Amino acid sequence: MKIKKFEGLVAAPFTPMDNKGNINLEIIPEYYDFLARNGVVGAFINGSTGEGPSLTQKERQLQTSKWAECLKAEGRVKVINMIGGTSYRECIENAIFSYEAGLSAVAMVAPYYFKPSDTGKLAEFVAIVGESVPEMPVYFYNIPVLTGVRMPMTGFLEKITTMLPNFAGLKYTDEDLMDFMSCINFRDGEFDMLYGRDECMLAVLALGCKGFVGSTYNYAAPLYHKLIRAFNEGNLTEARKLQQKSIDMIELLGKYGGMATGKAYMKLAGLDFGKFRSPVNNMSDDAFNNFTDDVRNLGIDDLFSKK
């Protein structure tokens, strides 16, 4: 399969919820347009930021269908669906559903309850699912901090590339840059390597990375467009300043409870996506007022995405 690599920002969208905790599908077309207008080239749906593991199978498929409608209607933002999971049969069901819906690609994480014992078993699990959609690009989402499965991805690549002809590449969300660089250079750069730590973008740009998947690209795409441009122009002083602004922004996630703070950033951008599902910690109304002041004090209003 000829792999068309992503270059630029791939946002990891939030799952919009109403005030009763149900998925708010009606806001997704506006969300899709918002990402497109801010120069985002892809959307990685139903992932960690999208609360995929907290959604039911039916909910994931409903959300998949809505993003697929947007892709078919506009086509400006490609859509990768995170399909699972701990059950390879459920993953296969989601993969086929994604293919029939017309999405751009699918992605998988390592099974995180009964964990694979080595890279061969991990590759076997991914291949069982990927071969159900032979005409669709399949990515592996490496995020050991959440799955508990930490293996050298170079070893995984050596195995999976002999098993799955439609394997496309990795979403690599970890700080092992030695392993990541070896993955970039695997088979002379044949596969698509998307990096998933927004706060480390500058470091992996230096390694030759061209594609990035992250939650903060939802609401601060202009910051990262400027960072990439500064790096490409050789202006490392400016690129470092912009990366520090990214870090300052991301530090507020931790200050206000973690992942759900991303939805607070989106609320400031004009899109209210409700709350995260339990057990994720959500921000109180009082904390949101303090958060708003802290964001204003960052002095980066011109680097946020515009509605």
C-alpha atoms as a PDB file:
ATOM      1  CA  MET A   1       0.000   0.000   0.000  1.00  0.00           C
ATOM      2  CA  LYS A   2       1.245   3.479  -0.918  1.00  0.00           C
ATOM      3  CA  ILE A   3       1.322   5.462   2.330  1.00  0.00           C
ATOM      4  CA  LYS A   4       0.370   9.135   2.137  1.00  0.00           C
ATOM      5  CA  LYS A   5       2.045  10.651   5.175  1.00  0.00           C
ATOM      6  CA  PHE A   6       0.496  13.367   7.311  1.00  0.00           C
ATOM      7  CA  GLU A   7       2.444  16.607   7.498  1.00  0.00           C
ATOM      8  CA  GLY A   8       1.416  19.249  10.007  1.00  0.00           C
ATOM      9  CA  LEU A   9      -1.060  19.182  12.862  1.00  0.00           C
ATOM     10  CA  VAL A  10      -3.483  16.359  13.553  1.00  0.00           C
ATOM     11  CA  ALA A  11      -5.818  17.326  16.395  1.00  0.00           C
ATOM     12  CA  ALA A  12      -7.024  14.737  18.895  1.00  0.00           C
ATOM     13  CA  PRO A  13     -10.640  15.944  19.227  1.00  0.00           C
ATOM     14  CA  PHE A  14     -12.625  15.993  22.418  1.00  0.00           C
ATOM     15  CA  THR A  15     -15.938  14.148  22.506  1.00  0.00           C
ATOM     16  CA  PRO A  16     -18.619  16.836  22.917  1.00  0.00           C
ATOM     17  CA  MET A  17     -21.087  16.083  25.726  1.00  0.00           C
ATOM     18  CA  ASP A  18     -24.375  17.733  26.654  1.00  0.00           C
ATOM     19  CA  ASN A  19     -25.342  18.659  30.225  1.00  0.00           C
ATOM     20  CA  LYS A  20     -26.615  15.116  30.826  1.00  0.00           C
ATOM     21  CA  GLY A  21     -23.400  13.456  29.745  1.00  0.00           C
ATOM     22  CA  ASN A  22     -24.662  12.289  26.353  1.00  0.00           C
ATOM     23  CA  ILE A  23     -22.615  12.751  23.185  1.00  0.00           C
ATOM     24  CA  ASN A  24     -23.525  15.998  21.460  1.00  0.00           C
ATOM     25  CA  LEU A  25     -23.256  14.954  17.824  1.00  0.00           C
ATOM     26  CA  GLU A  26     -24.834  18.138  16.480  1.00  0.00           C
ATOM     27  CA  ILE A  27     -21.810  20.297  17.288  1.00  0.00           C
ATOM     28  CA  ILE A  28     -19.339  18.087  15.393  1.00  0.00           C
ATOM     29  CA  PRO A  29     -19.782  19.771  11.957  1.00  0.00           C
ATOM     30  CA  GLU A  30     -18.982  23.135  13.575  1.00  0.00           C
ATOM     31  CA  TYR A  31     -16.008  21.510  15.299  1.00  0.00           C
ATOM     32  CA  TYR A  32     -14.764  20.040  12.014  1.00  0.00           C
ATOM     33  CA  ASP A  33     -14.998  23.435  10.328  1.00  0.00           C
ATOM     34  CA  PHE A  34     -13.215  25.081  13.282  1.00  0.00           C
ATOM     35  CA  LEU A  35     -10.262  22.718  12.917  1.00  0.00           C
ATOM     36  CA  ALA A  36     -10.112  23.168   9.145  1.00  0.00           C
ATOM     37  CA  ARG A  37     -10.140  26.974   9.347  1.00  0.00           C
ATOM     38  CA  ASN A  38      -7.232  26.861  11.789  1.00  0.00           C
ATOM     39  CA  GLY A  39      -5.038  24.816   9.488  1.00  0.00           C
ATOM     40  CA  VAL A  40      -5.406  21.394  11.118  1.00  0.00           C
ATOM     41  CA  VAL A  41      -4.906  18.617   8.548  1.00  0.00           C
ATOM     42  CA  GLY A  42      -6.310  15.657  10.476  1.00  0.00           C
ATOM     43  CA  ALA A  43      -8.496  14.547  13.358  1.00  0.00           C
ATOM     44  CA  PHE A  44      -7.650  11.505  15.519  1.00  0.00           C
ATOM     45  CA  ILE A  45     -11.079  10.654  16.952  1.00  0.00           C
ATOM     46  CA  ASN A  46     -12.120   8.345  19.823  1.00  0.00           C
ATOM     47  CA  GLY A  47      -8.620   8.433  21.316  1.00  0.00           C
ATOM     48  CA  SER A  48      -7.410   9.384  24.789  1.00  0.00           C
ATOM     49  CA  THR A  49      -8.479  13.031  24.514  1.00  0.00           C
ATOM     50  CA  GLY A  50     -11.743  11.843  22.961  1.00  0.00           C
ATOM     51  CA  GLU A  51     -12.507   9.564  25.935  1.00  0.00           C
ATOM     52  CA  GLY A  52     -12.687   6.549  23.615  1.00  0.00           C
ATOM     53  CA  PRO A  53     -12.297   3.978  26.421  1.00  0.00           C
ATOM     54  CA  SER A  54     -15.122   5.704  28.348  1.00  0.00           C
ATOM     55  CA  LEU A  55     -17.565   5.452  25.447  1.00  0.00           C
ATOM     56  CA  THR A  56     -19.786   2.527  24.547  1.00  0.00           C
ATOM     57  CA  GLN A  57     -19.325   0.683  21.268  1.00  0.00           C
ATOM     58  CA  LYS A  58     -22.491   2.303  19.918  1.00  0.00           C
ATOM     59  CA  GLU A  59     -21.364   5.784  20.987  1.00  0.00           C
ATOM     60  CA  ARG A  60     -18.002   5.376  19.276  1.00  0.00           C
ATOM     61  CA  GLN A  61     -19.747   4.335  16.089  1.00  0.00           C
ATOM     62  CA  LEU A  62     -22.231   7.215  16.231  1.00  0.00           C
ATOM     63  CA  GLN A  63     -19.354   9.646  16.633  1.00  0.00           C
ATOM     64  CA  THR A  64     -17.449   7.936  13.815  1.00  0.00           C
ATOM     65  CA  SER A  65     -20.435   8.341  11.485  1.00  0.00           C
ATOM     66  CA  LYS A  66     -20.740  12.058  12.217  1.00  0.00           C
ATOM     67  CA  TRP A  67     -17.062  12.753  11.543  1.00  0.00           C
ATOM     68  CA  ALA A  68     -17.336  10.643   8.375  1.00  0.00           C
ATOM     69  CA  GLU A  69     -20.230  12.816   7.171  1.00  0.00           C
ATOM     70  CA  CYS A  70     -18.057  15.904   7.639  1.00  0.00           C
ATOM     71  CA  LEU A  71     -15.155  14.288   5.801  1.00  0.00           C
ATOM     72  CA  LYS A  72     -17.365  13.353   2.860  1.00  0.00           C
ATOM     73  CA  ALA A  73     -18.962  16.797   2.712  1.00  0.00           C
ATOM     74  CA  GLU A  74     -15.782  18.862   2.987  1.00  0.00           C
ATOM     75  CA  GLY A  75     -12.683  16.676   2.881  1.00  0.00           C
ATOM     76  CA  ARG A  76     -10.380  19.335   4.307  1.00  0.00           C
ATOM     77  CA  VAL A  77      -9.530  17.413   7.493  1.00  0.00           C
ATOM     78  CA  LYS A  78      -8.690  13.709   7.195  1.00  0.00           C
ATOM     79  CA  VAL A  79     -10.069  11.466   9.951  1.00  0.00           C
ATOM     80  CA  ILE A  80      -8.276   8.632  11.759  1.00  0.00           C
ATOM     81  CA  ASN A  81     -10.454   6.521  14.044  1.00  0.00           C
ATOM     82  CA  MET A  82      -9.004   4.936  17.185  1.00  0.00           C
ATOM     83  CA  ILE A  83     -10.759   1.558  17.122  1.00  0.00           C
ATOM     84  CA  GLY A  84      -9.701  -0.147  20.354  1.00  0.00           C
ATOM     85  CA  GLY A  85      -9.115  -1.902  22.491  1.00  0.00           C
ATOM     86  CA  THR A  86      -8.850  -5.076  24.489  1.00  0.00           C
ATOM     87  CA  SER A  87     -11.049  -7.267  22.283  1.00  0.00           C
ATOM     88  CA  TYR A  88      -9.706  -7.883  18.790  1.00  0.00           C
ATOM     89  CA  ARG A  89     -13.211  -8.826  17.622  1.00  0.00           C
ATOM     90  CA  GLU A  90     -14.591  -5.487  18.750  1.00  0.00           C
ATOM     91  CA  CYS A  91     -11.623  -3.785  17.077  1.00  0.00           C
ATOM     92  CA  ILE A  92     -12.387  -5.645  13.834  1.00  0.00           C
ATOM     93  CA  GLU A  93     -16.010  -4.512  14.039  1.00  0.00           C
ATOM     94  CA  ASN A  94     -14.884  -0.903  14.467  1.00  0.00           C
ATOM     95  CA  ALA A  95     -12.300  -1.188  11.684  1.00  0.00           C
ATOM     96  CA  ILE A  96     -14.853  -2.471   9.179  1.00  0.00           C
ATOM     97  CA  PHE A  97     -17.337   0.172  10.314  1.00  0.00           C
ATOM     98  CA  SER A  98     -14.677   2.866   9.770  1.00  0.00           C
ATOM     99  CA  TYR A  99     -13.808   1.559   6.312  1.00  0.00           C
ATOM    100  CA  GLU A 100     -17.460   1.400   5.218  1.00  0.00           C
ATOM    101  CA  ALA A 101     -18.011   4.933   6.577  1.00  0.00           C
ATOM    102  CA  GLY A 102     -15.194   6.211   4.351  1.00  0.00           C
ATOM    103  CA  LEU A 103     -12.685   7.328   6.971  1.00  0.00           C
ATOM    104  CA  SER A 104      -9.041   7.982   6.120  1.00  0.00           C
ATOM    105  CA  ALA A 105      -7.379   5.453   8.459  1.00  0.00           C
ATOM    106  CA  VAL A 106      -7.742   3.540  11.711  1.00  0.00           C
ATOM    107  CA  ALA A 107      -5.470   3.229  14.737  1.00  0.00           C
ATOM    108  CA  MET A 108      -5.090   0.738  17.566  1.00  0.00           C
ATOM    109  CA  VAL A 109      -3.584   0.736  21.030  1.00  0.00           C
ATOM    110  CA  ALA A 110      -2.020  -2.227  22.783  1.00  0.00           C
ATOM    111  CA  PRO A 111      -4.507  -4.410  24.673  1.00  0.00           C
ATOM    112  CA  TYR A 112      -4.131  -3.061  28.184  1.00  0.00           C
ATOM    113  CA  TYR A 113      -5.802  -5.694  30.391  1.00  0.00           C
ATOM    114  CA  PHE A 114      -4.340  -8.979  29.158  1.00  0.00           C
ATOM    115  CA  LYS A 115      -1.102  -7.466  27.919  1.00  0.00           C
ATOM    116  CA  PRO A 116       1.055  -8.901  25.116  1.00  0.00           C
ATOM    117  CA  SER A 117       4.265 -10.489  26.367  1.00  0.00           C
ATOM    118  CA  ASP A 118       6.543  -9.244  23.570  1.00  0.00           C
ATOM    119  CA  THR A 119       6.624  -7.294  20.312  1.00  0.00           C
ATOM    120  CA  GLY A 120       5.693 -10.408  18.339  1.00  0.00           C
ATOM    121  CA  LYS A 121       2.453 -10.922  20.270  1.00  0.00           C
ATOM    122  CA  LEU A 122       1.642  -7.217  20.005  1.00  0.00           C
ATOM    123  CA  ALA A 123       2.189  -7.294  16.243  1.00  0.00           C
ATOM    124  CA  GLU A 124       0.037 -10.413  15.976  1.00  0.00           C
ATOM    125  CA  PHE A 125      -2.848  -8.643  17.750  1.00  0.00           C
ATOM    126  CA  VAL A 126      -2.590  -5.600  15.469  1.00  0.00           C
ATOM    127  CA  ALA A 127      -2.321  -7.748  12.339  1.00  0.00           C
ATOM    128  CA  ILE A 128      -5.425  -9.791  13.200  1.00  0.00           C
ATOM    129  CA  VAL A 129      -7.419  -6.568  13.193  1.00  0.00           C
ATOM    130  CA  GLY A 130      -5.645  -4.778  10.359  1.00  0.00           C
ATOM    131  CA  GLU A 131      -6.093  -7.597   7.857  1.00  0.00           C
ATOM    132  CA  SER A 132      -9.883  -7.125   8.129  1.00  0.00           C
ATOM    133  CA  VAL A 133      -9.517  -3.813   6.238  1.00  0.00           C
ATOM    134  CA  PRO A 134      -6.763  -4.568   3.689  1.00  0.00           C
ATOM    135  CA  GLU A 135      -7.383  -1.375   1.679  1.00  0.00           C
ATOM    136  CA  MET A 136      -7.222   0.939   4.702  1.00  0.00           C
ATOM    137  CA  PRO A 137      -4.113   2.401   6.400  1.00  0.00           C
ATOM    138  CA  VAL A 138      -3.633   1.038   9.924  1.00  0.00           C
ATOM    139  CA  TYR A 139      -1.636   2.907  12.587  1.00  0.00           C
ATOM    140  CA  PHE A 140      -0.442   1.734  15.985  1.00  0.00           C
ATOM    141  CA  TYR A 141      -0.879   4.206  18.842  1.00  0.00           C
ATOM    142  CA  ASN A 142       2.025   3.796  21.267  1.00  0.00           C
ATOM    143  CA  ILE A 143       1.078   5.350  24.616  1.00  0.00           C
ATOM    144  CA  PRO A 144       2.677   3.228  27.367  1.00  0.00           C
ATOM    145  CA  VAL A 145       1.823   5.701  30.144  1.00  0.00           C
ATOM    146  CA  LEU A 146      -1.853   4.722  29.731  1.00  0.00           C
ATOM    147  CA  THR A 147      -1.705   1.144  28.397  1.00  0.00           C
ATOM    148  CA  GLY A 148       1.140  -0.081  30.588  1.00  0.00           C
ATOM    149  CA  VAL A 149       2.634  -1.779  27.528  1.00  0.00           C
ATOM    150  CA  ARG A 150       6.171  -0.462  27.034  1.00  0.00           C
ATOM    151  CA  MET A 151       8.189  -2.068  24.278  1.00  0.00           C
ATOM    152  CA  PRO A 152      10.743  -0.795  21.750  1.00  0.00           C
ATOM    153  CA  MET A 153       8.740   0.276  18.735  1.00  0.00           C
ATOM    154  CA  THR A 154      11.655  -0.545  16.450  1.00  0.00           C
ATOM    155  CA  GLY A 155      11.185  -4.178  17.463  1.00  0.00           C
ATOM    156  CA  PHE A 156       7.439  -3.896  16.849  1.00  0.00           C
ATOM    157  CA  LEU A 157       8.050  -2.421  13.376  1.00  0.00           C
ATOM    158  CA  GLU A 158      10.328  -5.318  12.462  1.00  0.00           C
ATOM    159  CA  LYS A 159       7.494  -7.735  13.287  1.00  0.00           C
ATOM    160  CA  ILE A 160       4.400  -5.900  12.023  1.00  0.00           C
ATOM    161  CA  THR A 161       5.858  -5.052   8.617  1.00  0.00           C
ATOM    162  CA  THR A 162       6.150  -8.778   7.823  1.00  0.00           C
ATOM    163  CA  MET A 163       2.535  -9.406   8.851  1.00  0.00           C
ATOM    164  CA  LEU A 164       0.422  -6.451   7.681  1.00  0.00           C
ATOM    165  CA  PRO A 165       0.857  -4.942   4.188  1.00  0.00           C
ATOM    166  CA  ASN A 166      -1.483  -2.022   4.990  1.00  0.00           C
ATOM    167  CA  PHE A 167       0.415  -0.959   8.104  1.00  0.00           C
ATOM    168  CA  ALA A 168       0.946   2.816   7.834  1.00  0.00           C
ATOM    169  CA  GLY A 169       2.942   3.925  10.871  1.00  0.00           C
ATOM    170  CA  LEU A 170       2.854   5.011  14.492  1.00  0.00           C
ATOM    171  CA  LYS A 171       1.316   7.625  16.678  1.00  0.00           C
ATOM    172  CA  TYR A 172       4.180   7.792  19.165  1.00  0.00           C
ATOM    173  CA  THR A 173       3.262   9.276  22.545  1.00  0.00           C
ATOM    174  CA  ASP A 174       6.326   8.722  24.697  1.00  0.00           C
ATOM    175  CA  GLU A 175       9.609  10.456  25.511  1.00  0.00           C
ATOM    176  CA  ASP A 176      11.983   7.736  24.261  1.00  0.00           C
ATOM    177  CA  LEU A 177      13.439   9.863  21.471  1.00  0.00           C
ATOM    178  CA  MET A 178      16.203   7.378  20.710  1.00  0.00           C
ATOM    179  CA  ASP A 179      13.598   4.751  19.833  1.00  0.00           C
ATOM    180  CA  PHE A 180      11.442   7.317  18.004  1.00  0.00           C
ATOM    181  CA  MET A 181      14.311   8.455  15.795  1.00  0.00           C
ATOM    182  CA  SER A 182      15.092   4.855  14.899  1.00  0.00           C
ATOM    183  CA  CYS A 183      11.422   4.440  13.961  1.00  0.00           C
ATOM    184  CA  ILE A 184      11.584   7.541  11.732  1.00  0.00           C
ATOM    185  CA  ASN A 185      14.585   6.040   9.932  1.00  0.00           C
ATOM    186  CA  PHE A 186      13.224   2.489   9.774  1.00  0.00           C
ATOM    187  CA  ARG A 187      13.471   1.216   6.189  1.00  0.00           C
ATOM    188  CA  ASP A 188      14.768   4.610   5.070  1.00  0.00           C
ATOM    189  CA  GLY A 189      11.730   6.441   6.429  1.00  0.00           C
ATOM    190  CA  GLU A 190       9.105   4.278   4.755  1.00  0.00           C
ATOM    191  CA  PHE A 191       6.426   4.663   7.430  1.00  0.00           C
ATOM    192  CA  ASP A 192       4.450   7.595   8.798  1.00  0.00           C
ATOM    193  CA  MET A 193       5.693   8.643  12.238  1.00  0.00           C
ATOM    194  CA  LEU A 194       3.349  10.997  14.091  1.00  0.00           C
ATOM    195  CA  TYR A 195       4.539  12.371  17.417  1.00  0.00           C
ATOM    196  CA  GLY A 196       2.118  12.781  20.315  1.00  0.00           C
ATOM    197  CA  ARG A 197       3.773  14.994  22.949  1.00  0.00           C
ATOM    198  CA  ASP A 198       2.906  18.601  22.073  1.00  0.00           C
ATOM    199  CA  GLU A 199       5.361  19.985  24.630  1.00  0.00           C
ATOM    200  CA  CYS A 200       8.246  18.200  22.858  1.00  0.00           C
ATOM    201  CA  MET A 201       7.504  19.300  19.284  1.00  0.00           C
ATOM    202  CA  LEU A 202      10.731  21.253  18.853  1.00  0.00           C
ATOM    203  CA  ALA A 203      12.836  18.298  19.933  1.00  0.00           C
ATOM    204  CA  VAL A 204      11.292  15.925  17.378  1.00  0.00           C
ATOM    205  CA  LEU A 205      11.369  18.516  14.599  1.00  0.00           C
ATOM    206  CA  ALA A 206      15.128  18.264  14.983  1.00  0.00           C
ATOM    207  CA  LEU A 207      14.833  14.485  14.474  1.00  0.00           C
ATOM    208  CA  GLY A 208      13.015  14.987  11.175  1.00  0.00           C
ATOM    209  CA  CYS A 209       9.432  14.524  12.348  1.00  0.00           C
ATOM    210  CA  LYS A 210       6.825  16.141  10.061  1.00  0.00           C
ATOM    211  CA  GLY A 211       3.486  15.060  11.562  1.00  0.00           C
ATOM    212  CA  PHE A 212       2.084  15.675  15.044  1.00  0.00           C
ATOM    213  CA  VAL A 213      -1.011  14.437  16.904  1.00  0.00           C
ATOM    214  CA  GLY A 214      -2.109  16.231  20.045  1.00  0.00           C
ATOM    215  CA  SER A 215      -4.893  17.709  22.122  1.00  0.00           C
ATOM    216  CA  THR A 216      -3.586  21.284  22.280  1.00  0.00           C
ATOM    217  CA  TYR A 217      -3.734  21.572  18.480  1.00  0.00           C
ATOM    218  CA  ASN A 218      -7.496  21.804  19.007  1.00  0.00           C
ATOM    219  CA  TYR A 219      -7.236  25.271  20.518  1.00  0.00           C
ATOM    220  CA  ALA A 220      -3.697  26.563  19.901  1.00  0.00           C
ATOM    221  CA  ALA A 221      -2.967  25.600  16.303  1.00  0.00           C
ATOM    222  CA  PRO A 222      -1.519  29.046  15.394  1.00  0.00           C
ATOM    223  CA  LEU A 223       1.144  28.681  18.099  1.00  0.00           C
ATOM    224  CA  TYR A 224       2.404  25.435  16.607  1.00  0.00           C
ATOM    225  CA  HIS A 225       2.170  26.657  13.006  1.00  0.00           C
ATOM    226  CA  LYS A 226       4.470  29.520  14.016  1.00  0.00           C
ATOM    227  CA  LEU A 227       6.800  27.144  15.881  1.00  0.00           C
ATOM    228  CA  ILE A 228       7.157  24.863  12.841  1.00  0.00           C
ATOM    229  CA  ARG A 229       7.697  27.845  10.543  1.00  0.00           C
ATOM    230  CA  ALA A 230      10.364  29.302  12.851  1.00  0.00           C
ATOM    231  CA  PHE A 231      12.192  25.979  12.929  1.00  0.00           C
ATOM    232  CA  ASN A 232      12.027  25.572   9.151  1.00  0.00           C
ATOM    233  CA  GLU A 233      13.419  29.081   8.710  1.00  0.00           C
ATOM    234  CA  GLY A 234      16.301  28.322  11.060  1.00  0.00           C
ATOM    235  CA  ASN A 235      15.084  30.770  13.704  1.00  0.00           C
ATOM    236  CA  LEU A 236      15.721  28.540  16.714  1.00  0.00           C
ATOM    237  CA  THR A 237      15.529  31.407  19.208  1.00  0.00           C
ATOM    238  CA  GLU A 238      11.930  32.093  18.171  1.00  0.00           C
ATOM    239  CA  ALA A 239      11.113  28.386  18.016  1.00  0.00           C
ATOM    240  CA  ARG A 240      12.347  27.911  21.591  1.00  0.00           C
ATOM    241  CA  LYS A 241      10.276  30.847  22.809  1.00  0.00           C
ATOM    242  CA  LEU A 242       7.167  29.385  21.190  1.00  0.00           C
ATOM    243  CA  GLN A 243       7.820  25.931  22.635  1.00  0.00           C
ATOM    244  CA  GLN A 244       8.094  27.496  26.086  1.00  0.00           C
ATOM    245  CA  LYS A 245       4.746  29.216  25.547  1.00  0.00           C
ATOM    246  CA  SER A 246       3.324  25.788  24.686  1.00  0.00           C
ATOM    247  CA  ILE A 247       4.790  24.365  27.898  1.00  0.00           C
ATOM    248  CA  ASP A 248       3.368  27.238  29.964  1.00  0.00           C
ATOM    249  CA  MET A 249      -0.050  26.575  28.467  1.00  0.00           C
ATOM    250  CA  ILE A 250       0.172  22.826  29.051  1.00  0.00           C
ATOM    251  CA  GLU A 251       1.247  23.323  32.668  1.00  0.00           C
ATOM    252  CA  LEU A 252      -2.206  24.786  33.327  1.00  0.00           C
ATOM    253  CA  LEU A 253      -3.670  21.378  32.453  1.00  0.00           C
ATOM    254  CA  GLY A 254      -1.908  19.912  35.462  1.00  0.00           C
ATOM    255  CA  LYS A 255      -2.700  22.861  37.687  1.00  0.00           C
ATOM    256  CA  TYR A 256      -6.439  22.501  37.088  1.00  0.00           C
ATOM    257  CA  GLY A 257      -6.790  18.748  37.275  1.00  0.00           C
ATOM    258  CA  GLY A 258      -5.502  17.244  34.046  1.00  0.00           C
ATOM    259  CA  MET A 259      -7.026  16.213  30.752  1.00  0.00           C
ATOM    260  CA  ALA A 260     -10.484  17.751  31.275  1.00  0.00           C
ATOM    261  CA  THR A 261      -8.870  21.211  31.371  1.00  0.00           C
ATOM    262  CA  GLY A 262      -8.638  20.900  27.594  1.00  0.00           C
ATOM    263  CA  LYS A 263     -12.405  21.295  27.372  1.00  0.00           C
ATOM    264  CA  ALA A 264     -12.060  24.481  29.419  1.00  0.00           C
ATOM    265  CA  TYR A 265      -9.641  25.806  26.788  1.00  0.00           C
ATOM    266  CA  MET A 266     -12.203  24.924  24.113  1.00  0.00           C
ATOM    267  CA  LYS A 267     -14.902  26.771  26.047  1.00  0.00           C
ATOM    268  CA  LEU A 268     -12.706  29.886  25.957  1.00  0.00           C
ATOM    269  CA  ALA A 269     -12.421  29.353  22.192  1.00  0.00           C
ATOM    270  CA  GLY A 270     -16.234  29.412  21.923  1.00  0.00           C
ATOM    271  CA  LEU A 271     -17.064  25.696  21.769  1.00  0.00           C
ATOM    272  CA  ASP A 272     -18.670  24.216  24.897  1.00  0.00           C
ATOM    273  CA  PHE A 273     -18.100  20.455  24.957  1.00  0.00           C
ATOM    274  CA  GLY A 274     -19.416  19.810  28.457  1.00  0.00           C
ATOM    275  CA  LYS A 275     -17.566  17.634  30.941  1.00  0.00           C
ATOM    276  CA  PHE A 276     -15.437  14.506  30.854  1.00  0.00           C
ATOM    277  CA  ARG A 277     -16.950  11.290  32.115  1.00  0.00           C
ATOM    278  CA  SER A 278     -16.040   9.770  35.471  1.00  0.00           C
ATOM    279  CA  PRO A 279     -13.443   9.046  36.764  1.00  0.00           C
ATOM    280  CA  VAL A 280     -11.721  12.013  35.053  1.00  0.00           C
ATOM    281  CA  ASN A 281     -11.554  15.086  37.284  1.00  0.00           C
ATOM    282  CA  ASN A 282     -13.582  18.070  35.989  1.00  0.00           C
ATOM    283  CA  MET A 283     -13.046  21.735  36.765  1.00  0.00           C
ATOM    284  CA  SER A 284     -15.490  23.555  39.055  1.00  0.00           C
ATOM    285  CA  ASP A 285     -17.145  26.826  37.990  1.00  0.00           C
ATOM    286  CA  ASP A 286     -15.054  28.751  40.528  1.00  0.00           C
ATOM    287  CA  ALA A 287     -11.877  27.139  39.245  1.00  0.00           C
ATOM    288  CA  PHE A 288     -12.873  28.062  35.684  1.00  0.00           C
ATOM    289  CA  ASN A 289     -12.852  31.740  36.653  1.00  0.00           C
ATOM    290  CA  ASN A 290      -9.338  31.403  38.051  1.00  0.00           C
ATOM    291  CA  PHE A 291      -8.297  29.388  35.009  1.00  0.00           C
ATOM    292  CA  THR A 292      -9.551  32.153  32.709  1.00  0.00           C
ATOM    293  CA  ASP A 293      -7.365  34.667  34.556  1.00  0.00           C
ATOM    294  CA  ASP A 294      -4.342  32.372  34.314  1.00  0.00           C
ATOM    295  CA  VAL A 295      -4.838  31.908  30.575  1.00  0.00           C
ATOM    296  CA  ARG A 296      -5.107  35.672  30.106  1.00  0.00           C
ATOM    297  CA  ASN A 297      -1.859  36.112  32.037  1.00  0.00           C
ATOM    298  CA  LEU A 298      -0.047  33.824  29.609  1.00  0.00           C
ATOM    299  CA  GLY A 299      -0.224  36.655  27.083  1.00  0.00           C
ATOM    300  CA  ILE A 300      -0.730  34.375  24.102  1.00  0.00           C
ATOM    301  CA  ASP A 301      -4.220  35.333  22.910  1.00  0.00           C
ATOM    302  CA  ASP A 302      -2.912  35.823  19.364  1.00  0.00           C
ATOM    303  CA  LEU A 303      -1.667  32.205  19.312  1.00  0.00           C
ATOM    304  CA  PHE A 304      -5.009  30.552  20.039  1.00  0.00           C
ATOM    305  CA  SER A 305      -7.320  29.117  17.395  1.00  0.00           C
ATOM    306  CA  LYS A 306     -10.103  31.410  16.230  1.00  0.00           C
ATOM    307  CA  LYS A 307     -13.730  30.483  15.863  1.00  0.00           C
END
